[in-house]
Amino acid sequence: MSYYPILKSPYCQGTTTLYNFSPNNWESVYKGKQFVNLTYIQDETWCSHSLGELMYGDSRTISHSDVVDLMSENTLPLLSLTQEKLSEHCQILPILNCNHTQVPTYRATLNLTSEWMTTSYQGEIDPFPPQASLLTFSPFLQFGKNVENYVLLMNLEKQPSNREVGVKIYDAESKVIKSTQKAMSNQVNVISLDDLGFDESSLPVVVCNEMAAIPLYFACTNRGEFLSLEHTHPPASLVIHGNRFGAQKALKEYWTSQFNT
């Protein structure tokens, strides 16, 4: 039941391209028009609007400016494709009646566009359990004149609320804490990684014990003249045989034990 968020970052507008066709030709899917939905939080309720229909085989790009007047300010816009319209108001994140494939899964193109250029990746988001946590490394720091580095922590949970959590940034080698930040659930949280004493040999570690998130690493030069967007895969996706999620848990527990979190 994946949703497709519209991203945000400094100097850029987010746009998301939806695709109403299968990412493979061997899994059976519904080959008909689907409703394009916008879902967001307002007054501690999940609200949904229909943005029209998308025929099978077609795609549609929706920008933040297209939906900003429909939502409250600083709200995470979530797009989806479904075979029926969503209820206008729900107390829990709607379960989507939509196409689903195993390998690869349905994804959208998530773009960040500045005055000069666009960067993007293929992505989606499913709701995280509220008791989950995050540990991610940032090998993507870039250095040079007028270069800025950010981590975008993208969270989605079933409850229609924005709870505040703490985020800590460490140096992997020294285990020294470099910064303490705040983040919100059901949001794309923009956190700067600059001016923390990192250099080309550093490996920053971002830790949140109260919330899981998809970490995206965004860098730009000259306020958007050049852009970069990267993300790390969870360790389980790098394990081929055996207990993949057990291996991920062991790695996470080891590194968490190295820091005074």
Protein backbone atom coordinates (compact mmCIF):
# COMPACT_ATOMS: atom_id res chain seq x y z
CA MET A 1 0.00 0.00 0.00
CA SER A 2 2.75 2.40 -0.95
CA TYR A 3 2.34 6.17 -1.02
CA TYR A 4 4.40 8.54 -3.12
CA PRO A 5 5.45 11.72 -1.29
CA ILE A 6 6.31 15.08 -2.79
CA LEU A 7 9.78 15.94 -1.49
CA LYS A 8 11.10 19.25 -0.24
CA SER A 9 14.60 20.68 0.14
CA PRO A 10 16.35 24.05 0.20
CA TYR A 11 16.30 25.92 -3.13
CA CYS A 12 14.08 23.32 -4.84
CA GLN A 13 10.46 22.49 -5.55
CA GLY A 14 9.35 18.88 -5.24
CA THR A 15 7.51 17.09 -8.05
CA THR A 16 6.37 13.47 -8.23
CA THR A 17 5.63 11.47 -11.39
CA LEU A 18 3.08 8.65 -11.05
CA TYR A 19 2.89 5.69 -13.44
CA ASN A 20 -0.24 3.64 -14.08
CA PHE A 21 1.48 0.66 -15.64
CA SER A 22 3.32 -2.36 -14.30
CA PRO A 23 7.08 -2.25 -13.65
CA ASN A 24 7.35 -5.80 -15.06
CA ASN A 25 5.60 -8.00 -17.61
CA TRP A 26 5.25 -11.24 -15.63
CA GLU A 27 2.98 -10.30 -12.70
CA SER A 28 -0.74 -9.84 -13.29
CA VAL A 29 -2.13 -6.39 -12.41
CA TYR A 30 -5.35 -4.42 -12.90
CA LYS A 31 -5.17 -2.72 -16.31
CA GLY A 32 -7.68 0.07 -15.94
CA LYS A 33 -7.88 3.71 -15.01
CA GLN A 34 -7.10 4.64 -11.42
CA PHE A 35 -7.87 7.62 -9.22
CA VAL A 36 -5.05 10.01 -8.35
CA ASN A 37 -5.29 10.89 -4.65
CA LEU A 38 -3.72 13.52 -2.42
CA THR A 39 -3.58 12.60 1.28
CA TYR A 40 -2.35 14.83 4.12
CA ILE A 41 -2.86 15.58 7.82
CA GLN A 42 -5.23 18.31 8.98
CA ASP A 43 -6.64 18.74 12.50
CA GLU A 44 -5.28 15.31 13.53
CA THR A 45 -7.18 13.62 10.70
CA TRP A 46 -6.03 12.08 7.42
CA CYS A 47 -7.72 14.05 4.65
CA SER A 48 -7.85 12.92 1.00
CA HIS A 49 -8.75 14.68 -2.23
CA SER A 50 -9.20 13.21 -5.70
CA LEU A 51 -6.95 14.88 -8.29
CA GLY A 52 -8.60 13.17 -11.25
CA GLU A 53 -8.04 9.88 -13.03
CA LEU A 54 -5.06 8.28 -14.77
CA MET A 55 -5.61 5.86 -17.63
CA TYR A 56 -3.65 2.61 -17.77
CA GLY A 57 -0.36 3.13 -19.61
CA ASP A 58 -0.20 6.85 -18.75
CA SER A 59 1.87 8.89 -16.32
CA ARG A 60 1.28 12.20 -14.56
CA THR A 61 3.61 14.67 -12.84
CA ILE A 62 2.31 16.64 -9.85
CA SER A 63 4.29 19.46 -8.22
CA HIS A 64 4.07 20.95 -4.75
CA SER A 65 2.67 24.14 -6.27
CA ASP A 66 -0.22 22.11 -7.73
CA VAL A 67 -1.44 21.01 -4.28
CA VAL A 68 -0.19 23.65 -1.84
CA ASP A 69 -3.53 25.47 -1.77
CA LEU A 70 -5.34 22.26 -0.77
CA MET A 71 -3.32 21.66 2.41
CA SER A 72 -2.14 23.39 5.53
CA GLU A 73 1.35 24.89 5.47
CA ASN A 74 4.31 22.57 6.20
CA THR A 75 2.23 19.43 5.61
CA LEU A 76 3.59 16.29 3.95
CA PRO A 77 1.75 15.71 0.63
CA LEU A 78 1.21 12.03 -0.15
CA LEU A 79 0.08 10.86 -3.59
CA SER A 80 -1.42 7.48 -4.46
CA LEU A 81 -3.20 5.57 -7.22
CA THR A 82 -6.29 3.54 -6.28
CA GLN A 83 -9.14 1.73 -8.00
CA GLU A 84 -11.69 3.58 -5.84
CA LYS A 85 -11.75 7.09 -4.42
CA LEU A 86 -10.46 7.41 -0.87
CA SER A 87 -12.65 8.58 1.99
CA GLU A 88 -12.33 12.30 2.56
CA HIS A 89 -11.56 11.87 6.29
CA CYS A 90 -9.94 8.96 8.15
CA GLN A 91 -8.62 8.52 11.67
CA ILE A 92 -5.91 6.15 10.45
CA LEU A 93 -3.86 6.18 7.25
CA PRO A 94 -6.07 4.74 4.46
CA ILE A 95 -5.29 1.25 3.18
CA LEU A 96 -4.96 1.54 -0.58
CA ASN A 97 -6.73 -0.67 -3.10
CA CYS A 98 -4.00 -0.45 -5.70
CA ASN A 99 -1.78 -2.54 -7.94
CA HIS A 100 1.08 -4.39 -6.28
CA THR A 101 4.06 -6.28 -7.63
CA GLN A 102 6.89 -8.11 -5.84
CA VAL A 103 10.03 -7.53 -7.96
CA PRO A 104 10.38 -4.76 -8.77
CA THR A 105 7.70 -2.94 -6.78
CA TYR A 106 5.64 -0.03 -8.04
CA ARG A 107 7.51 3.25 -7.62
CA ALA A 108 7.22 6.91 -8.60
CA THR A 109 9.87 9.35 -9.72
CA LEU A 110 10.55 11.75 -6.84
CA ASN A 111 12.12 14.95 -8.15
CA LEU A 112 13.73 18.04 -6.67
CA THR A 113 13.91 20.89 -9.19
CA SER A 114 15.84 24.14 -8.82
CA GLU A 115 16.05 27.13 -11.15
CA TRP A 116 18.76 25.31 -13.12
CA MET A 117 18.28 21.56 -12.94
CA THR A 118 16.51 18.48 -11.52
CA THR A 119 17.68 15.53 -9.44
CA SER A 120 15.52 12.48 -8.71
CA TYR A 121 15.25 8.87 -7.60
CA GLN A 122 12.67 6.09 -7.90
CA GLY A 123 10.91 5.71 -4.59
CA GLU A 124 7.85 5.12 -2.45
CA ILE A 125 7.04 5.01 1.26
CA ASP A 126 5.05 2.64 3.46
CA PRO A 127 4.07 3.45 7.05
CA PHE A 128 6.66 2.70 9.73
CA PRO A 129 5.71 1.33 13.18
CA PRO A 130 5.97 4.14 15.76
CA GLN A 131 8.37 2.14 17.97
CA ALA A 132 10.96 1.72 15.18
CA SER A 133 14.33 3.49 15.08
CA LEU A 134 16.87 4.79 12.57
CA LEU A 135 20.61 4.38 12.15
CA THR A 136 22.13 5.52 8.86
CA PHE A 137 25.60 6.38 7.58
CA SER A 138 26.33 9.30 5.28
CA PRO A 139 29.18 8.46 2.87
CA PHE A 140 27.86 11.06 0.41
CA LEU A 141 29.17 14.32 1.90
CA GLN A 142 30.52 16.63 -0.78
CA PHE A 143 33.01 19.44 -0.27
CA GLY A 144 33.99 22.52 -2.22
CA LYS A 145 33.16 26.17 -2.62
CA ASN A 146 29.49 26.98 -1.92
CA VAL A 147 28.55 23.30 -1.44
CA GLU A 148 25.79 22.51 1.08
CA ASN A 149 24.95 19.05 2.48
CA TYR A 150 21.66 17.92 4.02
CA VAL A 151 20.00 14.71 5.17
CA LEU A 152 16.28 14.51 4.43
CA LEU A 153 14.55 12.17 6.90
CA MET A 154 11.23 11.06 5.42
CA ASN A 155 8.78 9.44 7.84
CA LEU A 156 5.25 8.09 7.48
CA GLU A 157 3.15 6.52 10.24
CA LYS A 158 -0.48 5.42 10.41
CA GLN A 159 -1.56 7.87 13.10
CA PRO A 160 -2.43 11.42 11.87
CA SER A 161 -0.09 13.33 14.17
CA ASN A 162 3.27 15.08 14.10
CA ARG A 163 5.23 13.93 17.12
CA GLU A 164 8.61 15.49 17.85
CA VAL A 165 11.68 13.25 18.23
CA GLY A 166 15.39 13.74 18.77
CA VAL A 167 18.05 13.10 16.11
CA LYS A 168 21.75 12.78 16.94
CA ILE A 169 24.65 13.00 14.51
CA TYR A 170 27.94 11.24 15.39
CA ASP A 171 31.37 10.78 13.87
CA ALA A 172 31.77 7.05 13.16
CA GLU A 173 35.49 6.93 13.98
CA SER A 174 35.68 9.03 17.14
CA LYS A 175 32.11 8.19 18.33
CA VAL A 176 31.81 11.89 19.27
CA ILE A 177 28.39 13.48 19.01
CA LYS A 178 28.47 16.38 16.56
CA SER A 179 24.92 17.70 16.71
CA THR A 180 21.50 17.15 18.26
CA GLN A 181 18.47 18.03 16.13
CA LYS A 182 14.69 17.72 16.22
CA ALA A 183 12.49 15.93 13.68
CA MET A 184 8.77 15.33 13.23
CA SER A 185 6.85 12.23 12.27
CA ASN A 186 4.83 12.28 9.04
CA GLN A 187 7.17 14.81 7.53
CA VAL A 188 10.24 15.32 5.34
CA ASN A 189 12.75 16.68 7.87
CA VAL A 190 15.58 18.78 6.44
CA ILE A 191 18.75 18.62 8.59
CA SER A 192 22.02 20.34 7.65
CA LEU A 193 25.25 18.32 7.84
CA ASP A 194 27.50 21.35 7.34
CA ASP A 195 29.60 23.17 9.96
CA LEU A 196 29.85 20.07 12.16
CA GLY A 197 33.58 19.49 11.74
CA PHE A 198 33.35 16.75 9.10
CA ASP A 199 35.92 16.48 6.30
CA GLU A 200 36.58 14.22 3.30
CA SER A 201 37.70 11.33 5.55
CA SER A 202 34.69 11.52 7.90
CA LEU A 203 31.75 9.15 8.06
CA PRO A 204 28.75 10.80 9.75
CA VAL A 205 26.21 8.58 11.49
CA VAL A 206 22.61 9.73 11.96
CA VAL A 207 20.73 8.09 14.86
CA CYS A 208 17.11 8.40 15.96
CA ASN A 209 15.87 6.06 18.70
CA GLU A 210 12.24 7.21 18.54
CA MET A 211 11.37 7.11 14.84
CA ALA A 212 12.26 5.32 11.63
CA ALA A 213 12.71 7.18 8.36
CA ILE A 214 13.97 6.90 4.81
CA PRO A 215 17.26 8.88 4.73
CA LEU A 216 17.96 10.87 1.58
CA TYR A 217 21.24 12.73 1.18
CA PHE A 218 20.87 16.01 -0.69
CA ALA A 219 23.74 18.26 -1.77
CA CYS A 220 23.70 21.42 -3.83
CA THR A 221 26.11 24.08 -5.09
CA ASN A 222 25.46 27.79 -5.46
CA ARG A 223 21.91 27.53 -4.08
CA GLY A 224 20.77 24.95 -6.59
CA GLU A 225 22.99 25.37 -9.65
CA PHE A 226 24.13 21.74 -9.24
CA LEU A 227 22.14 19.10 -7.34
CA SER A 228 22.72 15.60 -5.97
CA LEU A 229 20.24 13.22 -4.31
CA GLU A 230 21.34 9.84 -2.91
CA HIS A 231 19.94 7.28 -0.51
CA THR A 232 21.33 4.25 1.29
CA HIS A 233 19.77 0.80 1.17
CA PRO A 234 18.92 -0.95 4.46
CA PRO A 235 21.51 -3.61 5.38
CA ALA A 236 18.97 -6.42 4.88
CA SER A 237 18.93 -5.67 1.16
CA LEU A 238 22.69 -6.38 1.01
CA VAL A 239 22.43 -9.83 2.63
CA ILE A 240 21.86 -12.64 0.13
CA HIS A 241 21.50 -15.81 2.22
CA GLY A 242 20.32 -16.66 5.72
CA ASN A 243 18.41 -14.44 8.13
CA ARG A 244 18.63 -11.10 6.34
CA PHE A 245 16.75 -9.08 8.96
CA GLY A 246 18.65 -10.82 11.74
CA ALA A 247 21.88 -9.63 10.15
CA GLN A 248 20.47 -6.12 9.92
CA LYS A 249 19.45 -6.20 13.59
CA ALA A 250 22.94 -7.36 14.64
CA LEU A 251 24.63 -4.57 12.68
CA LYS A 252 22.25 -1.98 14.09
CA GLU A 253 22.71 -3.18 17.66
CA TYR A 254 26.51 -3.17 17.28
CA TRP A 255 26.69 0.40 16.04
CA THR A 256 24.07 1.70 18.46
CA SER A 257 26.12 0.25 21.32
CA GLN A 258 29.12 2.32 20.19
CA PHE A 259 27.31 5.59 20.91
CA ASN A 260 25.96 7.03 24.12
CA THR A 261 22.41 7.33 22.74
